[in-house]
Amino acid sequence: MNTYPKASLGLFPTPMYRLPNMSRALGTNVWIKRDDLCGVALGGNKVRKLEYLLAEAQTQGAELVMTTGQAQSNHAMLTAACALRLGLEPVLVLKQRGV
């Protein structure tokens, strides 16, 4: 199996929480994975993906990373935050809704 470079960006593993009211209502244990507690804003699964994408960028010698999205894109904000943690310069190309 191939191994891929990975940067350490989040605080993993994130905790699991039992939902007692929902568990009682459904008659079974219901748990949620709290990836919003990963330590980078409310990044969750986006941070997990960025650990691999930004590590690959570093492996290739990148000094700058660029992404695009809507003006309030969580992906863009998390890419910038994670890139800065790794010493990479983030460039965001953001567009307004309806434009």
Protein backbone atom coordinates (compact mmCIF):
# COMPACT_ATOMS: atom_id res chain seq x y z
CA MET A 1 0.00 0.00 0.00
CA ASN A 2 1.27 3.46 -0.87
CA THR A 3 1.88 5.91 1.90
CA TYR A 4 0.97 9.53 1.44
CA PRO A 5 2.58 12.51 3.16
CA LYS A 6 0.46 13.93 5.96
CA ALA A 7 0.79 17.18 7.89
CA SER A 8 -0.37 17.31 11.50
CA LEU A 9 -3.00 20.06 11.61
CA GLY A 10 -5.86 18.87 13.80
CA LEU A 11 -6.24 17.42 17.26
CA PHE A 12 -7.22 13.87 16.37
CA PRO A 13 -8.88 11.61 17.22
CA THR A 14 -11.89 13.78 18.02
CA PRO A 15 -14.27 12.64 20.76
CA MET A 16 -17.48 10.67 20.45
CA TYR A 17 -20.54 11.78 22.42
CA ARG A 18 -23.62 9.77 23.26
CA LEU A 19 -26.91 11.59 22.65
CA PRO A 20 -29.03 10.45 25.61
CA ASN A 21 -32.34 12.03 24.58
CA MET A 22 -32.19 10.74 21.01
CA SER A 23 -30.96 7.35 22.25
CA ARG A 24 -33.93 7.11 24.60
CA ALA A 25 -36.40 8.22 21.89
CA LEU A 26 -35.07 5.68 19.38
CA GLY A 27 -34.51 2.87 21.85
CA THR A 28 -30.87 2.43 20.86
CA ASN A 29 -27.56 4.14 21.58
CA VAL A 30 -26.92 7.08 19.24
CA TRP A 31 -23.44 8.58 19.13
CA ILE A 32 -21.94 11.49 17.20
CA LYS A 33 -18.33 12.10 16.21
CA ARG A 34 -17.38 15.66 17.19
CA ASP A 35 -15.05 16.60 14.32
CA ASP A 36 -15.98 20.23 14.99
CA LEU A 37 -13.59 19.91 17.96
CA CYS A 38 -10.54 19.18 15.79
CA GLY A 39 -8.80 22.39 16.90
CA VAL A 40 -8.90 24.39 13.65
CA ALA A 41 -11.93 26.67 13.71
CA LEU A 42 -14.86 24.28 13.19
CA GLY A 43 -13.06 22.41 10.45
CA GLY A 44 -13.86 18.75 10.93
CA ASN A 45 -13.48 16.61 7.84
CA LYS A 46 -12.07 19.52 5.81
CA VAL A 47 -9.02 19.62 8.09
CA ARG A 48 -8.51 15.86 7.64
CA LYS A 49 -8.42 16.37 3.86
CA LEU A 50 -6.13 19.41 4.11
CA GLU A 51 -3.61 17.38 6.14
CA TYR A 52 -2.96 15.38 2.98
CA LEU A 53 -3.37 18.10 0.36
CA LEU A 54 -1.07 20.60 2.05
CA ALA A 55 1.52 17.95 2.90
CA GLU A 56 1.62 17.06 -0.80
CA ALA A 57 2.04 20.74 -1.68
CA GLN A 58 5.00 20.96 0.72
CA THR A 59 6.49 17.76 -0.69
CA GLN A 60 6.41 19.37 -4.14
CA GLY A 61 8.17 22.50 -2.80
CA ALA A 62 5.17 24.82 -2.89
CA GLU A 63 5.41 28.10 -1.04
CA LEU A 64 1.90 29.27 -1.91
CA VAL A 65 -1.48 27.53 -2.10
CA MET A 66 -4.54 28.87 -3.87
CA THR A 67 -8.20 27.91 -3.63
CA THR A 68 -11.50 29.37 -4.70
CA GLY A 69 -15.04 29.45 -3.41
CA GLN A 70 -17.90 31.67 -2.34
CA ALA A 71 -17.18 34.76 -0.25
CA GLN A 72 -17.98 32.98 3.03
CA SER A 73 -16.49 29.59 2.11
CA ASN A 74 -15.51 27.46 5.11
CA HIS A 75 -13.19 25.49 2.84
CA ALA A 76 -11.34 28.66 1.80
CA MET A 77 -11.08 29.92 5.38
CA LEU A 78 -9.77 26.57 6.61
CA THR A 79 -7.31 26.28 3.72
CA ALA A 80 -5.89 29.69 4.65
CA ALA A 81 -5.68 28.85 8.37
CA CYS A 82 -4.03 25.48 7.77
CA ALA A 83 -1.65 26.83 5.12
CA LEU A 84 -0.46 29.52 7.53
CA ARG A 85 0.16 26.91 10.24
CA LEU A 86 2.52 25.18 7.82
CA GLY A 87 4.27 28.37 6.67
CA LEU A 88 2.57 28.41 3.26
CA GLU A 89 1.11 31.58 1.79
CA PRO A 90 -2.63 31.23 1.14
CA VAL A 91 -4.29 32.96 -1.83
CA LEU A 92 -8.10 32.92 -1.87
CA VAL A 93 -10.11 33.73 -4.98
CA LEU A 94 -13.57 34.43 -3.61
CA LYS A 95 -16.73 35.26 -5.50
CA GLN A 96 -19.97 36.86 -4.40
CA ARG A 97 -23.23 34.97 -4.66
CA GLY A 98 -25.10 35.66 -7.87
CA VAL A 99 -22.05 37.12 -9.59
